[in-house]
Amino acid sequence: MAGRTSPATAVSVVVCVRGHCEPKDRPVEQVCCRQSACTSLDIQFKQLVLDKDRLLVAMRNVADIFVVDAREHNSALRKAAYRNFTLWIYFYLGQNNRRVVPSCCVSAIRKMYPSSDGSYMGFRRE
């Protein structure tokens, strides 16, 4: 996380000066990373959050611990990507302690692992 601003400084989007934040359906999801270089372009983001092999290993790890479905499909890969992002940036948050993933990163994850029907769950507090 070298060079990354504290997660607490991510703020709601008014205008993203880097042009990577896309409008989201709900205001709570309108968050910009506010980094001098957009987080979604960071090499660590691409390696830790978008790399399919790393996501599959993370999915198997969660499945081993919590006995969940670890099948390889885009919905599961997106969920693993959001989890990896959270661990990378915020570390462990704990139960019911959630943070919004910046819009630029959500867009990159959705572009890499799209929904077949174009619908997405979005951020949930619980």
C-alpha atoms as a PDB file:
ATOM      1  CA  MET A   1       0.000   0.000   0.000  1.00  0.00           C
ATOM      2  CA  ALA A   2       3.031   2.215  -0.362  1.00  0.00           C
ATOM      3  CA  GLY A   3       2.086   5.658  -1.612  1.00  0.00           C
ATOM      4  CA  ARG A   4      -1.638   5.150  -1.031  1.00  0.00           C
ATOM      5  CA  THR A   5      -3.624   7.657   0.997  1.00  0.00           C
ATOM      6  CA  SER A   6      -5.362   6.440   4.122  1.00  0.00           C
ATOM      7  CA  PRO A   7      -8.708   4.846   3.228  1.00  0.00           C
ATOM      8  CA  ALA A   8     -10.456   7.376   5.425  1.00  0.00           C
ATOM      9  CA  THR A   9      -9.548  10.074   2.894  1.00  0.00           C
ATOM     10  CA  ALA A  10     -11.524   8.520   0.036  1.00  0.00           C
ATOM     11  CA  VAL A  11     -14.359  10.940  -0.576  1.00  0.00           C
ATOM     12  CA  SER A  12     -17.573  11.174  -2.530  1.00  0.00           C
ATOM     13  CA  VAL A  13     -17.145  12.018  -6.178  1.00  0.00           C
ATOM     14  CA  VAL A  14     -18.006  15.477  -7.348  1.00  0.00           C
ATOM     15  CA  VAL A  15     -15.539  15.508 -10.219  1.00  0.00           C
ATOM     16  CA  CYS A  16     -12.801  12.924 -10.647  1.00  0.00           C
ATOM     17  CA  VAL A  17      -9.805  14.821 -12.013  1.00  0.00           C
ATOM     18  CA  ARG A  18      -8.265  11.645 -13.434  1.00  0.00           C
ATOM     19  CA  GLY A  19     -11.416  10.655 -15.317  1.00  0.00           C
ATOM     20  CA  HIS A  20     -11.555   7.044 -14.112  1.00  0.00           C
ATOM     21  CA  CYS A  21     -14.536   7.266 -11.745  1.00  0.00           C
ATOM     22  CA  GLU A  22     -17.781   6.373 -13.466  1.00  0.00           C
ATOM     23  CA  PRO A  23     -21.237   7.308 -12.189  1.00  0.00           C
ATOM     24  CA  LYS A  24     -22.849   4.629 -10.032  1.00  0.00           C
ATOM     25  CA  ASP A  25     -26.512   3.979  -9.308  1.00  0.00           C
ATOM     26  CA  ARG A  26     -26.466   5.132  -5.687  1.00  0.00           C
ATOM     27  CA  PRO A  27     -24.783   8.152  -4.059  1.00  0.00           C
ATOM     28  CA  VAL A  28     -23.081   5.968  -1.408  1.00  0.00           C
ATOM     29  CA  GLU A  29     -21.138   4.284  -4.240  1.00  0.00           C
ATOM     30  CA  GLN A  30     -19.854   7.589  -5.661  1.00  0.00           C
ATOM     31  CA  VAL A  31     -16.397   7.396  -4.083  1.00  0.00           C
ATOM     32  CA  CYS A  32     -13.090   8.485  -5.628  1.00  0.00           C
ATOM     33  CA  CYS A  33      -9.748   7.096  -4.427  1.00  0.00           C
ATOM     34  CA  ARG A  34      -8.248  10.630  -4.660  1.00  0.00           C
ATOM     35  CA  GLN A  35      -4.797   9.289  -5.429  1.00  0.00           C
ATOM     36  CA  SER A  36      -2.275  11.216  -7.504  1.00  0.00           C
ATOM     37  CA  ALA A  37      -2.217   8.131  -9.736  1.00  0.00           C
ATOM     38  CA  CYS A  38      -5.565   6.331  -9.908  1.00  0.00           C
ATOM     39  CA  THR A  39      -5.681   3.171  -7.799  1.00  0.00           C
ATOM     40  CA  SER A  40      -7.311   1.224 -10.645  1.00  0.00           C
ATOM     41  CA  LEU A  41      -4.149   1.751 -12.740  1.00  0.00           C
ATOM     42  CA  ASP A  42      -1.749   0.673  -9.968  1.00  0.00           C
ATOM     43  CA  ILE A  43       0.276  -2.467 -10.774  1.00  0.00           C
ATOM     44  CA  GLN A  44      -0.518  -3.901  -7.332  1.00  0.00           C
ATOM     45  CA  PHE A  45      -4.245  -3.429  -8.001  1.00  0.00           C
ATOM     46  CA  LYS A  46      -3.905  -5.368 -11.240  1.00  0.00           C
ATOM     47  CA  GLN A  47      -1.893  -8.130  -9.555  1.00  0.00           C
ATOM     48  CA  LEU A  48      -3.830  -8.455  -6.288  1.00  0.00           C
ATOM     49  CA  VAL A  49      -7.362  -7.559  -7.356  1.00  0.00           C
ATOM     50  CA  LEU A  50      -7.752  -8.356 -11.057  1.00  0.00           C
ATOM     51  CA  ASP A  51      -5.467 -11.373 -11.547  1.00  0.00           C
ATOM     52  CA  LYS A  52      -7.683 -14.430 -12.037  1.00  0.00           C
ATOM     53  CA  ASP A  53      -5.193 -16.960 -10.630  1.00  0.00           C
ATOM     54  CA  ARG A  54      -4.824 -15.006  -7.378  1.00  0.00           C
ATOM     55  CA  LEU A  55      -8.587 -14.648  -7.104  1.00  0.00           C
ATOM     56  CA  LEU A  56      -9.066 -18.393  -7.584  1.00  0.00           C
ATOM     57  CA  VAL A  57      -6.590 -19.135  -4.787  1.00  0.00           C
ATOM     58  CA  ALA A  58      -8.377 -16.614  -2.532  1.00  0.00           C
ATOM     59  CA  MET A  59     -11.724 -18.215  -3.396  1.00  0.00           C
ATOM     60  CA  ARG A  60     -10.413 -21.685  -2.526  1.00  0.00           C
ATOM     61  CA  ASN A  61      -9.079 -20.359   0.771  1.00  0.00           C
ATOM     62  CA  VAL A  62     -12.454 -18.869   1.734  1.00  0.00           C
ATOM     63  CA  ALA A  63     -14.248 -22.023   0.583  1.00  0.00           C
ATOM     64  CA  ASP A  64     -11.931 -24.133   2.722  1.00  0.00           C
ATOM     65  CA  ILE A  65     -12.576 -22.048   5.833  1.00  0.00           C
ATOM     66  CA  PHE A  66     -16.268 -21.202   5.425  1.00  0.00           C
ATOM     67  CA  VAL A  67     -17.505 -24.016   3.159  1.00  0.00           C
ATOM     68  CA  VAL A  68     -18.800 -21.764   0.403  1.00  0.00           C
ATOM     69  CA  ASP A  69     -19.102 -22.296  -3.331  1.00  0.00           C
ATOM     70  CA  ALA A  70     -15.743 -21.644  -5.018  1.00  0.00           C
ATOM     71  CA  ARG A  71     -16.827 -22.269  -8.595  1.00  0.00           C
ATOM     72  CA  GLU A  72     -15.157 -20.139 -11.223  1.00  0.00           C
ATOM     73  CA  HIS A  73     -17.767 -17.718 -12.547  1.00  0.00           C
ATOM     74  CA  ASN A  74     -17.693 -13.944 -12.910  1.00  0.00           C
ATOM     75  CA  SER A  75     -19.970 -13.253  -9.949  1.00  0.00           C
ATOM     76  CA  ALA A  76     -17.684 -15.203  -7.613  1.00  0.00           C
ATOM     77  CA  LEU A  77     -14.580 -13.631  -9.182  1.00  0.00           C
ATOM     78  CA  ARG A  78     -16.013 -10.119  -8.631  1.00  0.00           C
ATOM     79  CA  LYS A  79     -16.760 -10.905  -4.988  1.00  0.00           C
ATOM     80  CA  ALA A  80     -13.230 -12.259  -4.516  1.00  0.00           C
ATOM     81  CA  ALA A  81     -11.814  -9.144  -6.214  1.00  0.00           C
ATOM     82  CA  TYR A  82     -13.735  -6.839  -3.841  1.00  0.00           C
ATOM     83  CA  ARG A  83     -12.517  -8.925  -0.893  1.00  0.00           C
ATOM     84  CA  ASN A  84      -8.902  -8.777  -2.112  1.00  0.00           C
ATOM     85  CA  PHE A  85      -9.177  -5.001  -2.592  1.00  0.00           C
ATOM     86  CA  THR A  86     -10.496  -4.613   0.946  1.00  0.00           C
ATOM     87  CA  LEU A  87      -7.700  -6.737   2.421  1.00  0.00           C
ATOM     88  CA  TRP A  88      -5.066  -4.874   0.402  1.00  0.00           C
ATOM     89  CA  ILE A  89      -6.227  -1.354   1.262  1.00  0.00           C
ATOM     90  CA  TYR A  90      -8.034  -1.643   4.605  1.00  0.00           C
ATOM     91  CA  PHE A  91      -6.656  -4.916   5.990  1.00  0.00           C
ATOM     92  CA  TYR A  92      -9.195  -6.951   7.945  1.00  0.00           C
ATOM     93  CA  LEU A  93     -12.365  -5.007   8.748  1.00  0.00           C
ATOM     94  CA  GLY A  94     -14.379  -7.506  10.756  1.00  0.00           C
ATOM     95  CA  GLN A  95     -18.022  -8.468  10.678  1.00  0.00           C
ATOM     96  CA  ASN A  96     -20.432  -5.700   9.626  1.00  0.00           C
ATOM     97  CA  ASN A  97     -17.555  -3.226   9.215  1.00  0.00           C
ATOM     98  CA  ARG A  98     -17.665  -2.383   5.513  1.00  0.00           C
ATOM     99  CA  ARG A  99     -16.077   0.226   3.270  1.00  0.00           C
ATOM    100  CA  VAL A 100     -17.080   1.403  -0.182  1.00  0.00           C
ATOM    101  CA  VAL A 101     -14.690   0.373  -2.952  1.00  0.00           C
ATOM    102  CA  PRO A 102     -13.780   3.438  -5.059  1.00  0.00           C
ATOM    103  CA  SER A 103     -15.775   3.839  -8.264  1.00  0.00           C
ATOM    104  CA  CYS A 104     -12.690   3.493 -10.486  1.00  0.00           C
ATOM    105  CA  CYS A 105     -11.869   0.123  -8.913  1.00  0.00           C
ATOM    106  CA  VAL A 106     -15.468  -1.138  -9.080  1.00  0.00           C
ATOM    107  CA  SER A 107     -15.535  -0.232 -12.777  1.00  0.00           C
ATOM    108  CA  ALA A 108     -12.243  -2.050 -13.445  1.00  0.00           C
ATOM    109  CA  ILE A 109     -13.478  -5.163 -11.601  1.00  0.00           C
ATOM    110  CA  ARG A 110     -16.805  -5.131 -13.443  1.00  0.00           C
ATOM    111  CA  LYS A 111     -15.048  -4.658 -16.774  1.00  0.00           C
ATOM    112  CA  MET A 112     -12.748  -7.627 -16.085  1.00  0.00           C
ATOM    113  CA  TYR A 113     -15.508  -9.888 -14.708  1.00  0.00           C
ATOM    114  CA  PRO A 114     -18.796  -8.628 -16.182  1.00  0.00           C
ATOM    115  CA  SER A 115     -22.277  -9.775 -15.245  1.00  0.00           C
ATOM    116  CA  SER A 116     -23.976 -11.714 -18.038  1.00  0.00           C
ATOM    117  CA  ASP A 117     -27.128  -9.605 -17.692  1.00  0.00           C
ATOM    118  CA  GLY A 118     -25.487  -6.286 -16.755  1.00  0.00           C
ATOM    119  CA  SER A 119     -26.964  -6.158 -13.251  1.00  0.00           C
ATOM    120  CA  TYR A 120     -24.815  -5.780 -10.141  1.00  0.00           C
ATOM    121  CA  MET A 121     -25.552  -5.934  -6.420  1.00  0.00           C
ATOM    122  CA  GLY A 122     -23.758  -2.728  -5.456  1.00  0.00           C
ATOM    123  CA  PHE A 123     -22.572  -1.738  -2.003  1.00  0.00           C
ATOM    124  CA  ARG A 124     -24.434  -3.095   1.021  1.00  0.00           C
ATOM    125  CA  ARG A 125     -23.840  -1.930   4.565  1.00  0.00           C
ATOM    126  CA  GLU A 126     -24.588  -5.428   5.909  1.00  0.00           C
END
